[in-house]
Amino acid sequence: MSDELFRKAERLQELLVSRATGGAHEDEEYRALRRDLREDPRAREQLPDFVDRCRTLQHFWSFIKNEFGTYEERRQFLWGEFSPLLNALEQGGSPPDPEVEAVLNTLDSNHVHRVWQKALERRQNDPEGAITASRTLIESVCKRILEEIGVEYEEKDDLPNLYHCVAEELNLAPGQYSEPLFGQILGNCQSVVQGLGAIRNVEGDAHGSEKGYRARPRHAELTVNLAGSMATFLVRTWKAQQSDG
C-alpha cells in the first residue's frame, strides 16, 4: 500500500464530509488532493464519479446539497463512495492483467477501462459486484465496437443480442465457419456470453428459490477471466479487420 496515497484519499474524504456538513474549507487543498488522486492509475479508477465532475468545493457543495437533505445522509453517502478507493489502496489493489489492459486501452474508452478495473478490484471482497462488472464489460465493449463500425443498436438490447450483432459484423458467428472446430469454439464463446448475460442475482433467490447461493471469490475469478478473454478477443478481431481493410 502507498501510505501517502492512502492518506490523501482519506484526507479528501474527511474534507468533503466536513464541507457537506457545514464546514468551510479553501479550494486549494481540495484541488491538490483531487489532482494527485486523478493522476495516479491505482486511485483514479476507484475515485468517486462526482469527484471527477466537481472541480471545486463549490461545485461539490451544489451537488451534495441537492442530493441529500440531512448531514447523516451525506456522511453515509460519502463513506460509501470512498470505501472502494480506500479498500483498494489499503490492500494494494488487484494487479490488472497487462495483456487485457493493453488491448482494452486501444478502445480509448474511459468507461470500458473503469468497468474492467472494477471487475478486478472486486474479485476477492465483492464477488457479486465483480461478476456484474464482468457482464457490463462485455456489454460496453460490444456497444463501443458497434458504435465505431456505425451499426445502430437499442439501449434496451440485452447482452446476447449485442454480442450476436457484433459476431455477425466481425464474422464470428459459428455458422459463418465451414471448419467444424472453429465453429465449435465460437459456439462455446457464444455460450459464455449468454451465461454472463443471464446473471441477474448470483444469490440464487431471484426466482423464489429457497436455497440461497452466494458467489465465492473463485467464481468471480473465473467470470472476470472469461470476460477479459472475450473482450480481448472481440477487440483484437475488430482491430485486425480494420488493419486488413
Protein backbone atom coordinates (compact mmCIF):
# COMPACT_ATOMS: atom_id res chain seq x y z
CA MET A 1 0.00 0.00 0.00
CA SER A 2 1.14 3.52 -0.72
CA ASP A 3 0.76 5.15 2.68
CA GLU A 4 0.95 8.62 1.18
CA LEU A 5 -1.74 7.92 -1.41
CA PHE A 6 -3.99 6.33 1.19
CA ARG A 7 -3.59 9.38 3.46
CA LYS A 8 -4.50 11.68 0.58
CA ALA A 9 -7.64 9.69 -0.19
CA GLU A 10 -8.59 9.62 3.48
CA ARG A 11 -7.96 13.35 3.80
CA LEU A 12 -10.10 14.07 0.74
CA GLN A 13 -12.93 12.08 2.26
CA GLU A 14 -12.59 13.98 5.54
CA LEU A 15 -12.55 17.31 3.74
CA LEU A 16 -15.69 16.52 1.75
CA VAL A 17 -17.54 15.18 4.78
CA SER A 18 -16.70 18.38 6.63
CA ARG A 19 -17.81 20.58 3.73
CA ALA A 20 -21.03 18.59 3.32
CA THR A 21 -21.89 19.05 6.99
CA GLY A 22 -21.38 22.78 7.36
CA GLY A 23 -17.59 23.12 7.44
CA ALA A 24 -15.70 25.71 5.41
CA HIS A 25 -12.50 24.96 3.52
CA GLU A 26 -10.32 26.57 0.89
CA ASP A 27 -10.38 25.16 -2.62
CA GLU A 28 -6.59 24.89 -2.79
CA GLU A 29 -6.34 21.72 -0.70
CA TYR A 30 -9.27 20.08 -2.46
CA ARG A 31 -7.81 20.84 -5.90
CA ALA A 32 -4.40 19.47 -4.91
CA LEU A 33 -5.80 16.22 -3.48
CA ARG A 34 -8.13 15.75 -6.42
CA ARG A 35 -5.28 16.29 -8.88
CA ASP A 36 -2.92 13.86 -7.16
CA LEU A 37 -5.51 11.09 -6.92
CA ARG A 38 -6.70 11.53 -10.51
CA GLU A 39 -3.11 11.34 -11.78
CA ASP A 40 -2.39 8.01 -10.07
CA PRO A 41 -3.73 5.00 -12.06
CA ARG A 42 -4.37 2.98 -8.88
CA ALA A 43 -6.57 5.68 -7.40
CA ARG A 44 -8.19 7.11 -10.50
CA GLU A 45 -10.30 4.05 -11.31
CA GLN A 46 -11.86 3.90 -7.83
CA LEU A 47 -12.25 7.64 -7.34
CA PRO A 48 -15.94 8.52 -6.90
CA ASP A 49 -17.50 9.85 -10.11
CA PHE A 50 -18.63 13.08 -8.51
CA VAL A 51 -15.02 13.97 -7.66
CA ASP A 52 -14.24 13.80 -11.37
CA ARG A 53 -17.16 16.11 -12.09
CA CYS A 54 -16.64 18.58 -9.24
CA ARG A 55 -13.55 20.65 -9.93
CA THR A 56 -14.09 22.93 -6.95
CA LEU A 57 -15.63 22.68 -3.49
CA GLN A 58 -18.39 25.00 -4.66
CA HIS A 59 -19.26 22.51 -7.40
CA PHE A 60 -19.28 19.75 -4.80
CA TRP A 61 -21.48 21.75 -2.45
CA SER A 62 -24.00 22.41 -5.25
CA PHE A 63 -24.07 18.67 -5.92
CA ILE A 64 -24.32 17.33 -2.38
CA LYS A 65 -26.88 19.80 -1.00
CA ASN A 66 -29.34 18.88 -3.73
CA GLU A 67 -28.78 15.14 -3.41
CA PHE A 68 -29.21 14.70 0.36
CA GLY A 69 -31.11 16.82 2.81
CA THR A 70 -29.51 15.75 6.10
CA TYR A 71 -25.95 15.65 7.37
CA GLU A 72 -26.21 11.96 8.24
CA GLU A 73 -27.33 11.05 4.71
CA ARG A 74 -24.39 12.96 3.31
CA ARG A 75 -21.92 11.25 5.65
CA GLN A 76 -23.22 7.79 4.77
CA PHE A 77 -23.11 8.57 1.06
CA LEU A 78 -19.52 9.85 1.16
CA TRP A 79 -18.26 6.98 3.32
CA GLY A 80 -19.85 4.51 0.93
CA GLU A 81 -18.45 6.23 -2.16
CA PHE A 82 -14.91 6.35 -0.79
CA SER A 83 -14.92 2.80 0.59
CA PRO A 84 -13.81 1.06 -2.67
CA LEU A 85 -10.95 3.54 -3.11
CA LEU A 86 -9.70 3.27 0.45
CA ASN A 87 -10.01 -0.53 0.45
CA ALA A 88 -8.10 -0.81 -2.81
CA LEU A 89 -5.28 1.42 -1.59
CA GLU A 90 -5.15 -0.28 1.80
CA GLN A 91 -4.89 -3.74 0.24
CA GLY A 92 -2.62 -2.69 -2.58
CA GLY A 93 -5.30 -3.36 -5.17
CA SER A 94 -5.53 -6.24 -7.63
CA PRO A 95 -2.87 -6.06 -10.33
CA PRO A 96 -4.57 -5.74 -13.73
CA ASP A 97 -3.81 -8.33 -16.36
CA PRO A 98 -1.36 -6.35 -18.53
CA GLU A 99 -2.44 -8.04 -21.77
CA VAL A 100 -6.15 -7.37 -21.29
CA GLU A 101 -5.40 -3.88 -20.03
CA ALA A 102 -3.31 -3.05 -23.10
CA VAL A 103 -5.94 -4.32 -25.54
CA LEU A 104 -8.85 -2.57 -23.84
CA ASN A 105 -6.90 0.69 -23.81
CA THR A 106 -6.92 0.66 -27.61
CA LEU A 107 -10.67 1.34 -27.42
CA ASP A 108 -9.91 4.74 -25.92
CA SER A 109 -12.91 4.42 -23.61
CA ASN A 110 -12.71 5.55 -20.00
CA HIS A 111 -15.93 3.68 -19.27
CA VAL A 112 -14.61 0.34 -20.53
CA HIS A 113 -11.35 0.84 -18.64
CA ARG A 114 -13.17 1.70 -15.44
CA VAL A 115 -15.50 -1.30 -15.64
CA TRP A 116 -12.54 -3.65 -16.12
CA GLN A 117 -10.81 -2.16 -13.10
CA LYS A 118 -13.95 -2.62 -11.01
CA ALA A 119 -14.14 -6.26 -12.03
CA LEU A 120 -10.52 -6.79 -10.98
CA GLU A 121 -10.75 -4.91 -7.70
CA ARG A 122 -13.91 -6.66 -6.53
CA ARG A 123 -12.92 -10.28 -7.13
CA GLN A 124 -11.98 -11.03 -3.53
CA ASN A 125 -14.14 -8.75 -1.39
CA ASP A 126 -17.22 -8.34 -3.59
CA PRO A 127 -17.60 -11.39 -5.86
CA GLU A 128 -21.16 -10.44 -6.84
CA GLY A 129 -20.00 -6.97 -7.85
CA ALA A 130 -17.11 -8.45 -9.86
CA ILE A 131 -19.47 -10.75 -11.72
CA THR A 132 -21.84 -7.90 -12.53
CA ALA A 133 -18.92 -5.77 -13.73
CA SER A 134 -17.79 -8.65 -15.97
CA ARG A 135 -21.16 -8.68 -17.70
CA THR A 136 -21.06 -4.89 -18.02
CA LEU A 137 -17.58 -5.12 -19.55
CA ILE A 138 -18.75 -7.31 -22.43
CA GLU A 139 -21.82 -5.13 -22.96
CA SER A 140 -19.68 -1.99 -23.06
CA VAL A 141 -17.13 -3.49 -25.45
CA CYS A 142 -19.90 -4.68 -27.79
CA LYS A 143 -21.54 -1.26 -27.80
CA ARG A 144 -18.24 0.50 -28.36
CA ILE A 145 -17.39 -1.70 -31.35
CA LEU A 146 -20.86 -1.27 -32.87
CA GLU A 147 -20.56 2.50 -32.48
CA GLU A 148 -17.17 2.51 -34.18
CA ILE A 149 -18.47 0.33 -37.02
CA GLY A 150 -21.51 2.56 -37.39
CA VAL A 151 -24.11 -0.07 -36.54
CA GLU A 152 -27.09 1.14 -34.54
CA TYR A 153 -28.40 -0.70 -31.51
CA GLU A 154 -31.13 -0.15 -28.94
CA GLU A 155 -30.19 0.77 -25.38
CA LYS A 156 -32.63 -1.90 -24.23
CA ASP A 157 -30.78 -4.62 -26.16
CA ASP A 158 -29.54 -7.31 -23.82
CA LEU A 159 -26.05 -8.80 -23.88
CA PRO A 160 -26.82 -11.84 -26.07
CA ASN A 161 -28.38 -9.58 -28.72
CA LEU A 162 -25.47 -7.15 -28.61
CA TYR A 163 -22.95 -9.97 -28.90
CA HIS A 164 -24.88 -11.61 -31.75
CA CYS A 165 -24.82 -8.32 -33.66
CA VAL A 166 -21.08 -7.87 -33.10
CA ALA A 167 -20.36 -11.50 -34.00
CA GLU A 168 -22.22 -11.10 -37.30
CA GLU A 169 -20.32 -7.91 -38.13
CA LEU A 170 -16.95 -9.44 -37.26
CA ASN A 171 -17.70 -12.80 -38.92
CA LEU A 172 -17.55 -14.62 -35.60
CA ALA A 173 -20.92 -16.36 -35.74
CA PRO A 174 -20.49 -20.18 -35.57
CA GLY A 175 -22.43 -20.64 -38.81
CA GLN A 176 -20.01 -18.42 -40.72
CA TYR A 177 -17.21 -21.02 -40.48
CA SER A 178 -17.05 -24.17 -42.55
CA GLU A 179 -14.35 -25.64 -40.28
CA PRO A 180 -16.26 -27.54 -37.55
CA LEU A 181 -13.61 -26.97 -34.89
CA PHE A 182 -13.70 -23.19 -35.22
CA GLY A 183 -17.47 -23.27 -35.30
CA GLN A 184 -17.49 -25.27 -32.06
CA ILE A 185 -15.09 -22.89 -30.35
CA LEU A 186 -17.10 -19.84 -31.41
CA GLY A 187 -20.28 -21.60 -30.30
CA ASN A 188 -18.71 -22.06 -26.87
CA CYS A 189 -17.79 -18.36 -26.81
CA GLN A 190 -21.41 -17.59 -27.54
CA SER A 191 -22.46 -19.80 -24.62
CA VAL A 192 -20.07 -17.93 -22.30
CA VAL A 193 -21.60 -14.61 -23.30
CA GLN A 194 -25.12 -15.95 -22.86
CA GLY A 195 -24.17 -17.17 -19.40
CA LEU A 196 -22.84 -13.75 -18.46
CA GLY A 197 -25.96 -12.14 -19.85
CA ALA A 198 -28.18 -14.42 -17.80
CA ILE A 199 -26.64 -13.36 -14.50
CA ARG A 200 -29.22 -11.36 -12.60
CA ASN A 201 -28.94 -12.39 -8.99
CA VAL A 202 -26.00 -14.55 -8.02
CA GLU A 203 -27.51 -15.07 -4.60
CA GLY A 204 -29.79 -17.66 -6.24
CA ASP A 205 -33.10 -16.34 -4.89
CA ALA A 206 -34.17 -14.13 -7.80
CA HIS A 207 -36.89 -16.58 -8.79
CA GLY A 208 -38.13 -17.64 -5.41
CA SER A 209 -35.50 -20.28 -4.74
CA GLU A 210 -35.36 -21.38 -1.12
CA LYS A 211 -31.69 -22.28 -1.48
CA GLY A 212 -29.77 -19.05 -1.36
CA TYR A 213 -26.49 -19.16 -3.23
CA ARG A 214 -23.63 -16.76 -2.74
CA ALA A 215 -20.81 -16.40 -5.22
CA ARG A 216 -17.33 -17.03 -3.92
CA PRO A 217 -14.08 -15.33 -4.97
CA ARG A 218 -13.17 -18.35 -7.11
CA HIS A 219 -16.40 -17.90 -9.09
CA ALA A 220 -15.67 -14.22 -9.54
CA GLU A 221 -12.12 -15.03 -10.64
CA LEU A 222 -13.41 -17.40 -13.31
CA THR A 223 -16.05 -14.95 -14.52
CA VAL A 224 -13.65 -12.00 -14.68
CA ASN A 225 -11.07 -14.05 -16.57
CA LEU A 226 -13.66 -15.26 -19.08
CA ALA A 227 -14.97 -11.72 -19.59
CA GLY A 228 -11.46 -10.34 -20.01
CA SER A 229 -10.61 -13.03 -22.57
CA MET A 230 -13.82 -12.47 -24.53
CA ALA A 231 -13.40 -8.69 -24.51
CA THR A 232 -9.80 -9.04 -25.69
CA PHE A 233 -10.81 -11.44 -28.47
CA LEU A 234 -13.53 -9.09 -29.74
CA VAL A 235 -11.31 -6.03 -29.72
CA ARG A 236 -8.41 -7.80 -31.39
CA THR A 237 -10.68 -9.23 -34.08
CA TRP A 238 -12.13 -5.80 -34.78
CA LYS A 239 -8.67 -4.19 -34.89
CA ALA A 240 -7.38 -6.92 -37.21
CA GLN A 241 -10.26 -6.34 -39.61
CA GLN A 242 -9.54 -2.63 -39.54
CA SER A 243 -5.93 -3.29 -40.49
CA ASP A 244 -6.89 -5.74 -43.25
CA GLY A 245 -9.44 -3.34 -44.63
